Amino acid sequence: MNMQLKYLTCNYKERPISLDTLTPGFSWEIVSDSRGVNQKDYKIIVSNESEDIIKGIGNMWDSGWVESDMSVNIEYSGSELRSDTTYYWSVLIQDISGNETKYTAPYEFTTAFFKQTDWQA
């Protein structure tokens, strides 16, 4: 069986720039060559380094395995995000038969300036 995650989005955009929220939402879709594939668990990691994501490390957030079939707008709940910073994220899932995907390639999002004092001329 071939099972992959595709159409990853953060706040419903593929690679958003200038997100003005401290709690972005992550979404994905399962694509499989088998019928009836259902997600049982997911694990999301977020890092400020793309290399960490490639190694499976989330230095900003590692959700750990979450038993849930949800795959739309999963809210970030890691360390506080900084203004004007690029972050990288990835997800893997496990289906009800115990099959596990690999981490997706790193996706990115960039935060906006959160406070007036973040602006400098």
N, C-alpha and C. Protein backbone atom coordinates (compact mmCIF):
# COMPACT_ATOMS: atom_id res chain seq x y z
N MET A 1 0.83 -1.18 0.00
CA MET A 1 0.00 0.00 0.00
C MET A 1 0.88 1.25 0.00
N ASN A 2 0.49 2.20 -0.81
CA ASN A 2 1.19 3.47 -0.89
C ASN A 2 0.31 4.55 -0.25
N MET A 3 0.83 5.19 0.79
CA MET A 3 0.07 6.22 1.51
C MET A 3 0.98 7.44 1.69
N GLN A 4 0.49 8.59 1.23
CA GLN A 4 1.28 9.82 1.32
C GLN A 4 0.40 10.96 1.82
N LEU A 5 1.07 11.99 2.32
CA LEU A 5 0.37 13.21 2.72
C LEU A 5 0.67 14.28 1.68
N LYS A 6 -0.39 14.93 1.23
CA LYS A 6 -0.24 15.97 0.21
C LYS A 6 -1.12 17.15 0.59
N TYR A 7 -0.97 18.21 -0.18
CA TYR A 7 -1.79 19.42 -0.02
C TYR A 7 -1.68 19.98 1.40
N LEU A 8 -0.44 20.03 1.90
CA LEU A 8 -0.21 20.58 3.24
C LEU A 8 -0.40 22.09 3.21
N THR A 9 -1.14 22.60 4.18
CA THR A 9 -1.35 24.04 4.27
C THR A 9 -1.21 24.50 5.72
N CYS A 10 -0.87 25.77 5.84
CA CYS A 10 -0.81 26.45 7.12
C CYS A 10 -1.74 27.64 6.99
N ASN A 11 -2.75 27.70 7.84
CA ASN A 11 -3.80 28.72 7.72
C ASN A 11 -4.38 28.75 6.30
N TYR A 12 -4.58 27.55 5.76
CA TYR A 12 -5.21 27.33 4.45
C TYR A 12 -4.41 27.85 3.27
N LYS A 13 -3.10 28.10 3.47
CA LYS A 13 -2.22 28.50 2.37
C LYS A 13 -1.02 27.58 2.36
N GLU A 14 -0.47 27.34 1.17
CA GLU A 14 0.62 26.37 1.07
C GLU A 14 1.90 26.83 1.76
N ARG A 15 2.34 28.02 1.51
CA ARG A 15 3.55 28.56 2.15
C ARG A 15 3.29 30.04 2.49
N PRO A 16 2.49 30.28 3.51
CA PRO A 16 2.07 31.65 3.80
C PRO A 16 3.21 32.54 4.29
N ILE A 17 3.08 33.79 3.91
CA ILE A 17 4.04 34.82 4.33
C ILE A 17 3.29 35.83 5.19
N SER A 18 3.92 36.27 6.26
CA SER A 18 3.38 37.30 7.16
C SER A 18 2.11 36.86 7.88
N LEU A 19 2.13 35.66 8.44
CA LEU A 19 1.00 35.22 9.28
C LEU A 19 0.94 36.10 10.51
N ASP A 20 -0.23 36.59 10.82
CA ASP A 20 -0.37 37.49 11.97
C ASP A 20 -1.05 36.81 13.16
N THR A 21 -0.78 35.53 13.31
CA THR A 21 -1.34 34.78 14.43
C THR A 21 -0.25 33.99 15.15
N LEU A 22 -0.39 33.84 16.44
CA LEU A 22 0.55 33.03 17.23
C LEU A 22 0.16 31.56 17.24
N THR A 23 -1.02 31.26 16.69
CA THR A 23 -1.50 29.87 16.69
C THR A 23 -2.01 29.48 15.30
N PRO A 24 -1.08 29.34 14.33
CA PRO A 24 -1.52 28.94 13.00
C PRO A 24 -2.13 27.53 13.02
N GLY A 25 -2.91 27.24 12.00
CA GLY A 25 -3.55 25.93 11.88
C GLY A 25 -2.95 25.14 10.73
N PHE A 26 -2.68 23.86 10.95
CA PHE A 26 -2.06 22.99 9.95
C PHE A 26 -3.08 22.00 9.41
N SER A 27 -3.02 21.76 8.09
CA SER A 27 -3.95 20.84 7.44
C SER A 27 -3.21 20.00 6.40
N TRP A 28 -3.75 18.82 6.09
CA TRP A 28 -3.17 17.93 5.09
C TRP A 28 -4.25 16.99 4.59
N GLU A 29 -3.93 16.31 3.47
CA GLU A 29 -4.81 15.30 2.92
C GLU A 29 -4.03 14.01 2.73
N ILE A 30 -4.70 12.90 2.93
CA ILE A 30 -4.10 11.58 2.73
C ILE A 30 -4.41 11.15 1.30
N VAL A 31 -3.37 10.70 0.60
CA VAL A 31 -3.52 10.16 -0.74
C VAL A 31 -3.00 8.73 -0.70
N SER A 32 -3.83 7.78 -1.17
CA SER A 32 -3.45 6.37 -1.10
C SER A 32 -3.96 5.64 -2.33
N ASP A 33 -3.23 4.57 -2.69
CA ASP A 33 -3.69 3.73 -3.78
C ASP A 33 -4.66 2.66 -3.29
N SER A 34 -4.93 2.64 -1.99
CA SER A 34 -5.89 1.71 -1.39
C SER A 34 -7.14 2.46 -0.98
N ARG A 35 -8.25 1.77 -0.98
CA ARG A 35 -9.51 2.37 -0.54
C ARG A 35 -9.66 2.27 0.97
N GLY A 36 -10.41 3.18 1.54
CA GLY A 36 -10.75 3.10 2.95
C GLY A 36 -9.63 3.39 3.91
N VAL A 37 -8.64 4.15 3.48
CA VAL A 37 -7.53 4.50 4.37
C VAL A 37 -7.98 5.64 5.28
N ASN A 38 -7.90 5.41 6.57
CA ASN A 38 -8.32 6.41 7.56
C ASN A 38 -7.20 6.68 8.55
N GLN A 39 -7.00 7.93 8.86
CA GLN A 39 -5.99 8.33 9.83
C GLN A 39 -6.42 7.96 11.24
N LYS A 40 -5.47 7.44 12.02
CA LYS A 40 -5.72 7.13 13.42
C LYS A 40 -4.99 8.12 14.33
N ASP A 41 -3.75 8.45 13.99
CA ASP A 41 -2.90 9.33 14.78
C ASP A 41 -2.15 10.29 13.86
N TYR A 42 -1.73 11.42 14.41
CA TYR A 42 -0.85 12.32 13.68
C TYR A 42 0.23 12.83 14.63
N LYS A 43 1.30 13.32 14.02
CA LYS A 43 2.39 13.95 14.77
C LYS A 43 2.91 15.12 13.93
N ILE A 44 2.90 16.31 14.52
CA ILE A 44 3.36 17.52 13.85
C ILE A 44 4.62 18.01 14.55
N ILE A 45 5.60 18.43 13.74
CA ILE A 45 6.79 19.07 14.30
C ILE A 45 6.98 20.43 13.62
N VAL A 46 7.47 21.40 14.40
CA VAL A 46 7.74 22.74 13.90
C VAL A 46 9.12 23.15 14.43
N SER A 47 9.91 23.75 13.55
CA SER A 47 11.26 24.18 13.93
C SER A 47 11.60 25.48 13.22
N ASN A 48 12.58 26.19 13.75
CA ASN A 48 13.07 27.37 13.05
C ASN A 48 14.24 27.04 12.13
N GLU A 49 14.55 25.76 11.99
CA GLU A 49 15.62 25.28 11.10
C GLU A 49 15.09 24.15 10.23
N SER A 50 15.21 24.29 8.92
CA SER A 50 14.71 23.23 8.02
C SER A 50 15.47 21.92 8.22
N GLU A 51 16.76 22.01 8.59
CA GLU A 51 17.55 20.81 8.82
C GLU A 51 16.99 19.97 9.97
N ASP A 52 16.45 20.65 11.00
CA ASP A 52 15.83 19.93 12.11
C ASP A 52 14.64 19.10 11.62
N ILE A 53 13.83 19.69 10.76
CA ILE A 53 12.66 18.98 10.24
C ILE A 53 13.09 17.74 9.48
N ILE A 54 14.13 17.87 8.67
CA ILE A 54 14.64 16.73 7.91
C ILE A 54 15.08 15.61 8.85
N LYS A 55 15.60 15.98 10.03
CA LYS A 55 16.03 14.99 11.02
C LYS A 55 14.89 14.52 11.93
N GLY A 56 13.68 15.08 11.74
CA GLY A 56 12.54 14.69 12.57
C GLY A 56 12.50 15.38 13.93
N ILE A 57 13.13 16.56 14.01
CA ILE A 57 13.20 17.30 15.27
C ILE A 57 12.35 18.56 15.18
N GLY A 58 11.50 18.77 16.16
CA GLY A 58 10.71 19.99 16.24
C GLY A 58 11.17 20.80 17.44
N ASN A 59 12.09 21.74 17.24
CA ASN A 59 12.61 22.49 18.38
C ASN A 59 11.64 23.56 18.89
N MET A 60 10.61 23.87 18.11
CA MET A 60 9.58 24.80 18.56
C MET A 60 8.35 24.06 19.06
N TRP A 61 8.05 22.94 18.41
CA TRP A 61 6.88 22.15 18.80
C TRP A 61 7.00 20.74 18.26
N ASP A 62 6.76 19.79 19.12
CA ASP A 62 6.61 18.39 18.75
C ASP A 62 5.33 17.94 19.43
N SER A 63 4.30 17.75 18.65
CA SER A 63 2.99 17.42 19.23
C SER A 63 2.98 16.06 19.89
N GLY A 64 3.98 15.22 19.57
CA GLY A 64 3.91 13.82 19.99
C GLY A 64 2.76 13.17 19.24
N TRP A 65 2.58 11.88 19.42
CA TRP A 65 1.48 11.20 18.73
C TRP A 65 0.15 11.63 19.35
N VAL A 66 -0.74 12.10 18.51
CA VAL A 66 -2.07 12.53 18.94
C VAL A 66 -3.08 11.59 18.30
N GLU A 67 -3.86 10.90 19.12
CA GLU A 67 -4.87 10.00 18.58
C GLU A 67 -6.06 10.83 18.11
N SER A 68 -6.16 10.97 16.78
CA SER A 68 -7.22 11.79 16.20
C SER A 68 -7.27 11.56 14.70
N ASP A 69 -8.47 11.59 14.15
CA ASP A 69 -8.61 11.50 12.70
C ASP A 69 -8.69 12.89 12.07
N MET A 70 -8.54 13.94 12.89
CA MET A 70 -8.58 15.31 12.37
C MET A 70 -7.34 15.60 11.53
N SER A 71 -7.54 16.31 10.43
CA SER A 71 -6.43 16.70 9.57
C SER A 71 -6.63 18.10 9.00
N VAL A 72 -7.52 18.86 9.60
CA VAL A 72 -7.81 20.21 9.13
C VAL A 72 -7.69 21.20 10.28
N ASN A 73 -6.86 22.21 10.06
CA ASN A 73 -6.71 23.32 11.00
C ASN A 73 -6.31 22.88 12.41
N ILE A 74 -5.31 22.01 12.51
CA ILE A 74 -4.77 21.59 13.81
C ILE A 74 -3.96 22.76 14.35
N GLU A 75 -4.36 23.27 15.50
CA GLU A 75 -3.78 24.49 16.04
C GLU A 75 -2.41 24.27 16.67
N TYR A 76 -1.48 25.14 16.31
CA TYR A 76 -0.14 25.15 16.88
C TYR A 76 -0.22 25.40 18.38
N SER A 77 0.55 24.64 19.15
CA SER A 77 0.58 24.88 20.60
C SER A 77 1.97 24.65 21.17
N GLY A 78 2.97 25.17 20.46
CA GLY A 78 4.35 25.04 20.90
C GLY A 78 4.86 26.30 21.56
N SER A 79 6.18 26.48 21.51
CA SER A 79 6.82 27.68 22.06
C SER A 79 6.32 28.91 21.31
N GLU A 80 6.38 30.06 21.98
CA GLU A 80 5.86 31.29 21.37
C GLU A 80 6.63 31.62 20.09
N LEU A 81 5.88 31.89 19.04
CA LEU A 81 6.48 32.26 17.76
C LEU A 81 6.97 33.70 17.82
N ARG A 82 8.06 33.97 17.10
CA ARG A 82 8.64 35.31 17.07
C ARG A 82 8.19 36.05 15.81
N SER A 83 8.21 37.36 15.89
CA SER A 83 7.88 38.20 14.74
C SER A 83 8.88 38.01 13.61
N ASP A 84 8.38 38.19 12.39
CA ASP A 84 9.22 38.22 11.19
C ASP A 84 10.24 37.08 11.15
N THR A 85 9.76 35.87 11.34
CA THR A 85 10.62 34.69 11.39
C THR A 85 10.05 33.59 10.50
N THR A 86 10.92 32.87 9.83
CA THR A 86 10.51 31.73 9.02
C THR A 86 10.58 30.47 9.86
N TYR A 87 9.52 29.70 9.82
CA TYR A 87 9.44 28.42 10.52
C TYR A 87 9.16 27.31 9.51
N TYR A 88 9.54 26.10 9.88
CA TYR A 88 9.36 24.94 9.03
C TYR A 88 8.54 23.91 9.79
N TRP A 89 7.73 23.14 9.06
CA TRP A 89 6.90 22.16 9.73
C TRP A 89 6.74 20.92 8.85
N SER A 90 6.36 19.85 9.51
CA SER A 90 6.13 18.58 8.84
C SER A 90 5.15 17.77 9.67
N VAL A 91 4.57 16.78 9.05
CA VAL A 91 3.61 15.92 9.74
C VAL A 91 3.78 14.49 9.26
N LEU A 92 3.49 13.54 10.11
CA LEU A 92 3.35 12.15 9.70
C LEU A 92 2.11 11.60 10.38
N ILE A 93 1.56 10.56 9.78
CA ILE A 93 0.35 9.97 10.33
C ILE A 93 0.50 8.46 10.40
N GLN A 94 -0.42 7.88 11.14
CA GLN A 94 -0.54 6.43 11.22
C GLN A 94 -2.00 6.12 10.90
N ASP A 95 -2.21 5.09 10.07
CA ASP A 95 -3.59 4.73 9.75
C ASP A 95 -4.11 3.69 10.75
N ILE A 96 -5.37 3.31 10.61
CA ILE A 96 -5.99 2.40 11.59
C ILE A 96 -5.39 1.00 11.56
N SER A 97 -4.63 0.67 10.48
CA SER A 97 -3.96 -0.63 10.41
C SER A 97 -2.54 -0.58 10.95
N GLY A 98 -2.10 0.61 11.39
CA GLY A 98 -0.75 0.74 11.94
C GLY A 98 0.30 1.15 10.92
N ASN A 99 -0.10 1.35 9.67
CA ASN A 99 0.84 1.82 8.65
C ASN A 99 1.16 3.29 8.92
N GLU A 100 2.42 3.63 8.74
CA GLU A 100 2.88 4.98 9.07
C GLU A 100 3.49 5.63 7.83
N THR A 101 3.19 6.90 7.61
CA THR A 101 3.84 7.64 6.54
C THR A 101 5.22 8.09 7.02
N LYS A 102 6.01 8.59 6.11
CA LYS A 102 7.25 9.26 6.47
C LYS A 102 6.91 10.72 6.72
N TYR A 103 7.80 11.43 7.43
CA TYR A 103 7.61 12.87 7.55
C TYR A 103 7.59 13.47 6.15
N THR A 104 6.75 14.45 5.96
CA THR A 104 6.73 15.16 4.69
C THR A 104 7.98 16.03 4.60
N ALA A 105 8.30 16.45 3.39
CA ALA A 105 9.38 17.42 3.21
C ALA A 105 8.99 18.68 3.99
N PRO A 106 9.97 19.46 4.43
CA PRO A 106 9.63 20.66 5.21
C PRO A 106 8.78 21.66 4.43
N TYR A 107 7.73 22.10 5.04
CA TYR A 107 6.92 23.22 4.53
C TYR A 107 7.26 24.41 5.41
N GLU A 108 7.03 25.60 4.91
CA GLU A 108 7.42 26.77 5.69
C GLU A 108 6.28 27.77 5.81
N PHE A 109 6.40 28.59 6.82
CA PHE A 109 5.53 29.75 6.98
C PHE A 109 6.35 30.84 7.65
N THR A 110 5.98 32.08 7.36
CA THR A 110 6.69 33.23 7.92
C THR A 110 5.71 34.07 8.72
N THR A 111 6.15 34.49 9.88
CA THR A 111 5.29 35.31 10.73
C THR A 111 5.43 36.79 10.37
N ALA A 112 4.40 37.54 10.70
CA ALA A 112 4.38 38.99 10.50
C ALA A 112 5.01 39.66 11.72
N PHE A 113 5.00 40.98 11.73
CA PHE A 113 5.37 41.73 12.92
C PHE A 113 4.17 41.70 13.85
N PHE A 114 4.34 41.17 15.04
CA PHE A 114 3.23 41.01 15.97
C PHE A 114 2.94 42.27 16.78
N LYS A 115 3.99 43.05 17.07
CA LYS A 115 3.82 44.25 17.91
C LYS A 115 4.38 45.46 17.19
N GLN A 116 3.86 46.62 17.51
CA GLN A 116 4.35 47.87 16.92
C GLN A 116 5.83 48.05 17.17
N THR A 117 6.31 47.62 18.32
CA THR A 117 7.72 47.79 18.67
C THR A 117 8.64 46.89 17.83
N ASP A 118 8.08 45.91 17.11
CA ASP A 118 8.89 45.05 16.24
C ASP A 118 9.35 45.77 14.98
N TRP A 119 8.65 46.85 14.62
CA TRP A 119 9.02 47.62 13.43
C TRP A 119 10.21 48.50 13.75
N GLN A 120 11.19 48.48 12.88
CA GLN A 120 12.36 49.36 13.04
C GLN A 120 12.69 49.96 11.69
N ALA A 121 13.05 51.22 11.71
CA ALA A 121 13.41 51.90 10.46
C ALA A 121 14.91 51.99 10.34
